[in-house]
Amino acid sequence: MADDIDAIIDEVDRLNDPKQRKNPLPSDALIARYEAATGFEFPEDYKKLLKNISNAFVGYVSPLTVNEEMGGVYGELSSAIEQG
Protein backbone atom coordinates (compact mmCIF):
# COMPACT_ATOMS: atom_id res chain seq x y z
CA MET A 1 0.00 0.00 0.00
CA ALA A 2 2.96 2.35 0.54
CA ASP A 3 3.45 2.61 -3.21
CA ASP A 4 -0.21 3.63 -3.58
CA ILE A 5 0.15 6.36 -0.96
CA ASP A 6 3.35 7.62 -2.59
CA ALA A 7 1.57 7.77 -5.96
CA ILE A 8 -1.33 9.68 -4.39
CA ILE A 9 1.04 12.14 -2.72
CA ASP A 10 2.88 12.67 -6.01
CA GLU A 11 -0.39 13.28 -7.87
CA VAL A 12 -1.71 15.73 -5.29
CA ASP A 13 1.61 17.59 -5.33
CA ARG A 14 1.39 17.74 -9.13
CA LEU A 15 -2.12 19.19 -8.96
CA ASN A 16 -1.48 21.56 -6.05
CA ASP A 17 2.05 22.97 -5.73
CA PRO A 18 3.26 22.45 -2.14
CA LYS A 19 4.99 25.86 -2.23
CA GLN A 20 1.60 27.56 -2.67
CA ARG A 21 -0.02 25.97 0.40
CA LYS A 22 -0.59 28.18 3.42
CA ASN A 23 -1.36 25.81 6.30
CA PRO A 24 1.49 24.02 8.06
CA LEU A 25 1.78 20.26 7.92
CA PRO A 26 1.55 18.38 11.22
CA SER A 27 4.55 16.98 13.05
CA ASP A 28 4.86 13.47 14.47
CA ALA A 29 4.33 15.01 17.93
CA LEU A 30 1.04 16.64 16.90
CA ILE A 31 -0.19 13.42 15.32
CA ALA A 32 0.70 11.56 18.54
CA ARG A 33 -1.33 14.13 20.54
CA TYR A 34 -4.33 13.43 18.32
CA GLU A 35 -3.92 9.69 18.71
CA ALA A 36 -3.83 10.08 22.50
CA ALA A 37 -6.79 12.48 22.54
CA THR A 38 -9.00 10.38 20.26
CA GLY A 39 -7.93 6.93 21.38
CA PHE A 40 -7.24 5.99 17.75
CA GLU A 41 -3.92 4.69 16.49
CA PHE A 42 -3.62 6.06 12.98
CA PRO A 43 -2.34 3.74 10.24
CA GLU A 44 1.14 4.61 8.94
CA ASP A 45 -0.30 5.44 5.50
CA TYR A 46 -2.66 8.01 7.05
CA LYS A 47 0.18 9.55 9.05
CA LYS A 48 2.22 9.82 5.85
CA LEU A 49 -0.71 11.48 4.07
CA LEU A 50 -1.16 13.94 6.96
CA LYS A 51 2.54 14.84 7.03
CA ASN A 52 2.76 15.35 3.26
CA ILE A 53 -0.50 16.57 1.75
CA SER A 54 -3.08 17.31 4.44
CA ASN A 55 -2.72 21.01 3.64
CA ALA A 56 -3.43 20.53 -0.08
CA PHE A 57 -6.62 21.55 -1.85
CA VAL A 58 -7.62 19.60 -4.93
CA GLY A 59 -11.20 19.97 -6.02
CA TYR A 60 -13.71 18.89 -3.41
CA VAL A 61 -11.71 16.11 -1.79
CA SER A 62 -9.84 16.86 1.40
CA PRO A 63 -8.71 14.62 4.26
CA LEU A 64 -9.62 15.22 7.86
CA THR A 65 -6.79 17.40 9.10
CA VAL A 66 -5.03 18.01 12.39
CA ASN A 67 -3.97 21.36 13.84
CA GLU A 68 -2.23 22.74 16.93
CA GLU A 69 -5.53 23.98 18.37
CA MET A 70 -6.99 20.47 18.09
CA GLY A 71 -10.28 21.73 16.75
CA GLY A 72 -12.24 24.72 15.64
CA VAL A 73 -12.00 24.49 11.87
CA TYR A 74 -13.98 22.71 9.17
CA GLY A 75 -12.48 19.37 8.22
CA GLU A 76 -10.45 19.01 11.42
CA LEU A 77 -10.46 15.51 12.93
CA SER A 78 -11.48 16.29 16.53
CA SER A 79 -14.33 18.52 15.33
CA ALA A 80 -15.55 15.80 12.99
CA ILE A 81 -15.55 13.23 15.80
CA GLU A 82 -17.52 15.56 18.05
CA GLN A 83 -20.09 16.14 15.31
CA GLY A 84 -20.46 12.41 14.80
C-alpha atoms as a PDB file:
ATOM      1  CA  MET A   1       0.000   0.000   0.000  1.00  0.00           C
ATOM      2  CA  ALA A   2       2.964   2.353   0.542  1.00  0.00           C
ATOM      3  CA  ASP A   3       3.447   2.608  -3.213  1.00  0.00           C
ATOM      4  CA  ASP A   4      -0.211   3.628  -3.584  1.00  0.00           C
ATOM      5  CA  ILE A   5       0.154   6.362  -0.957  1.00  0.00           C
ATOM      6  CA  ASP A   6       3.345   7.621  -2.592  1.00  0.00           C
ATOM      7  CA  ALA A   7       1.569   7.772  -5.957  1.00  0.00           C
ATOM      8  CA  ILE A   8      -1.328   9.676  -4.389  1.00  0.00           C
ATOM      9  CA  ILE A   9       1.043  12.142  -2.722  1.00  0.00           C
ATOM     10  CA  ASP A  10       2.877  12.673  -6.012  1.00  0.00           C
ATOM     11  CA  GLU A  11      -0.389  13.279  -7.873  1.00  0.00           C
ATOM     12  CA  VAL A  12      -1.709  15.733  -5.285  1.00  0.00           C
ATOM     13  CA  ASP A  13       1.613  17.587  -5.335  1.00  0.00           C
ATOM     14  CA  ARG A  14       1.391  17.745  -9.127  1.00  0.00           C
ATOM     15  CA  LEU A  15      -2.123  19.191  -8.962  1.00  0.00           C
ATOM     16  CA  ASN A  16      -1.476  21.559  -6.053  1.00  0.00           C
ATOM     17  CA  ASP A  17       2.049  22.970  -5.732  1.00  0.00           C
ATOM     18  CA  PRO A  18       3.264  22.452  -2.142  1.00  0.00           C
ATOM     19  CA  LYS A  19       4.992  25.864  -2.231  1.00  0.00           C
ATOM     20  CA  GLN A  20       1.600  27.557  -2.666  1.00  0.00           C
ATOM     21  CA  ARG A  21      -0.021  25.974   0.403  1.00  0.00           C
ATOM     22  CA  LYS A  22      -0.587  28.184   3.421  1.00  0.00           C
ATOM     23  CA  ASN A  23      -1.365  25.814   6.298  1.00  0.00           C
ATOM     24  CA  PRO A  24       1.489  24.019   8.058  1.00  0.00           C
ATOM     25  CA  LEU A  25       1.782  20.259   7.920  1.00  0.00           C
ATOM     26  CA  PRO A  26       1.547  18.379  11.224  1.00  0.00           C
ATOM     27  CA  SER A  27       4.554  16.980  13.048  1.00  0.00           C
ATOM     28  CA  ASP A  28       4.855  13.469  14.470  1.00  0.00           C
ATOM     29  CA  ALA A  29       4.329  15.012  17.933  1.00  0.00           C
ATOM     30  CA  LEU A  30       1.037  16.635  16.901  1.00  0.00           C
ATOM     31  CA  ILE A  31      -0.195  13.416  15.318  1.00  0.00           C
ATOM     32  CA  ALA A  32       0.695  11.562  18.537  1.00  0.00           C
ATOM     33  CA  ARG A  33      -1.326  14.129  20.535  1.00  0.00           C
ATOM     34  CA  TYR A  34      -4.333  13.431  18.317  1.00  0.00           C
ATOM     35  CA  GLU A  35      -3.920   9.689  18.712  1.00  0.00           C
ATOM     36  CA  ALA A  36      -3.826  10.084  22.498  1.00  0.00           C
ATOM     37  CA  ALA A  37      -6.793  12.480  22.544  1.00  0.00           C
ATOM     38  CA  THR A  38      -8.999  10.381  20.260  1.00  0.00           C
ATOM     39  CA  GLY A  39      -7.929   6.926  21.377  1.00  0.00           C
ATOM     40  CA  PHE A  40      -7.239   5.986  17.751  1.00  0.00           C
ATOM     41  CA  GLU A  41      -3.919   4.693  16.485  1.00  0.00           C
ATOM     42  CA  PHE A  42      -3.618   6.059  12.975  1.00  0.00           C
ATOM     43  CA  PRO A  43      -2.335   3.745  10.237  1.00  0.00           C
ATOM     44  CA  GLU A  44       1.138   4.612   8.940  1.00  0.00           C
ATOM     45  CA  ASP A  45      -0.302   5.439   5.502  1.00  0.00           C
ATOM     46  CA  TYR A  46      -2.662   8.008   7.046  1.00  0.00           C
ATOM     47  CA  LYS A  47       0.185   9.552   9.051  1.00  0.00           C
ATOM     48  CA  LYS A  48       2.218   9.820   5.853  1.00  0.00           C
ATOM     49  CA  LEU A  49      -0.705  11.475   4.073  1.00  0.00           C
ATOM     50  CA  LEU A  50      -1.162  13.943   6.960  1.00  0.00           C
ATOM     51  CA  LYS A  51       2.542  14.839   7.029  1.00  0.00           C
ATOM     52  CA  ASN A  52       2.757  15.352   3.261  1.00  0.00           C
ATOM     53  CA  ILE A  53      -0.504  16.575   1.751  1.00  0.00           C
ATOM     54  CA  SER A  54      -3.079  17.308   4.443  1.00  0.00           C
ATOM     55  CA  ASN A  55      -2.722  21.010   3.643  1.00  0.00           C
ATOM     56  CA  ALA A  56      -3.433  20.533  -0.075  1.00  0.00           C
ATOM     57  CA  PHE A  57      -6.620  21.550  -1.845  1.00  0.00           C
ATOM     58  CA  VAL A  58      -7.617  19.598  -4.929  1.00  0.00           C
ATOM     59  CA  GLY A  59     -11.204  19.974  -6.019  1.00  0.00           C
ATOM     60  CA  TYR A  60     -13.712  18.890  -3.407  1.00  0.00           C
ATOM     61  CA  VAL A  61     -11.711  16.115  -1.792  1.00  0.00           C
ATOM     62  CA  SER A  62      -9.839  16.855   1.403  1.00  0.00           C
ATOM     63  CA  PRO A  63      -8.712  14.622   4.262  1.00  0.00           C
ATOM     64  CA  LEU A  64      -9.622  15.220   7.856  1.00  0.00           C
ATOM     65  CA  THR A  65      -6.789  17.401   9.099  1.00  0.00           C
ATOM     66  CA  VAL A  66      -5.031  18.015  12.391  1.00  0.00           C
ATOM     67  CA  ASN A  67      -3.972  21.360  13.843  1.00  0.00           C
ATOM     68  CA  GLU A  68      -2.228  22.743  16.931  1.00  0.00           C
ATOM     69  CA  GLU A  69      -5.532  23.981  18.370  1.00  0.00           C
ATOM     70  CA  MET A  70      -6.990  20.472  18.088  1.00  0.00           C
ATOM     71  CA  GLY A  71     -10.283  21.728  16.751  1.00  0.00           C
ATOM     72  CA  GLY A  72     -12.244  24.718  15.640  1.00  0.00           C
ATOM     73  CA  VAL A  73     -12.002  24.493  11.866  1.00  0.00           C
ATOM     74  CA  TYR A  74     -13.981  22.706   9.167  1.00  0.00           C
ATOM     75  CA  GLY A  75     -12.480  19.369   8.220  1.00  0.00           C
ATOM     76  CA  GLU A  76     -10.453  19.015  11.420  1.00  0.00           C
ATOM     77  CA  LEU A  77     -10.462  15.509  12.930  1.00  0.00           C
ATOM     78  CA  SER A  78     -11.484  16.295  16.535  1.00  0.00           C
ATOM     79  CA  SER A  79     -14.332  18.519  15.333  1.00  0.00           C
ATOM     80  CA  ALA A  80     -15.549  15.803  12.986  1.00  0.00           C
ATOM     81  CA  ILE A  81     -15.545  13.225  15.796  1.00  0.00           C
ATOM     82  CA  GLU A  82     -17.519  15.558  18.048  1.00  0.00           C
ATOM     83  CA  GLN A  83     -20.090  16.140  15.305  1.00  0.00           C
ATOM     84  CA  GLY A  84     -20.465  12.410  14.795  1.00  0.00           C
END
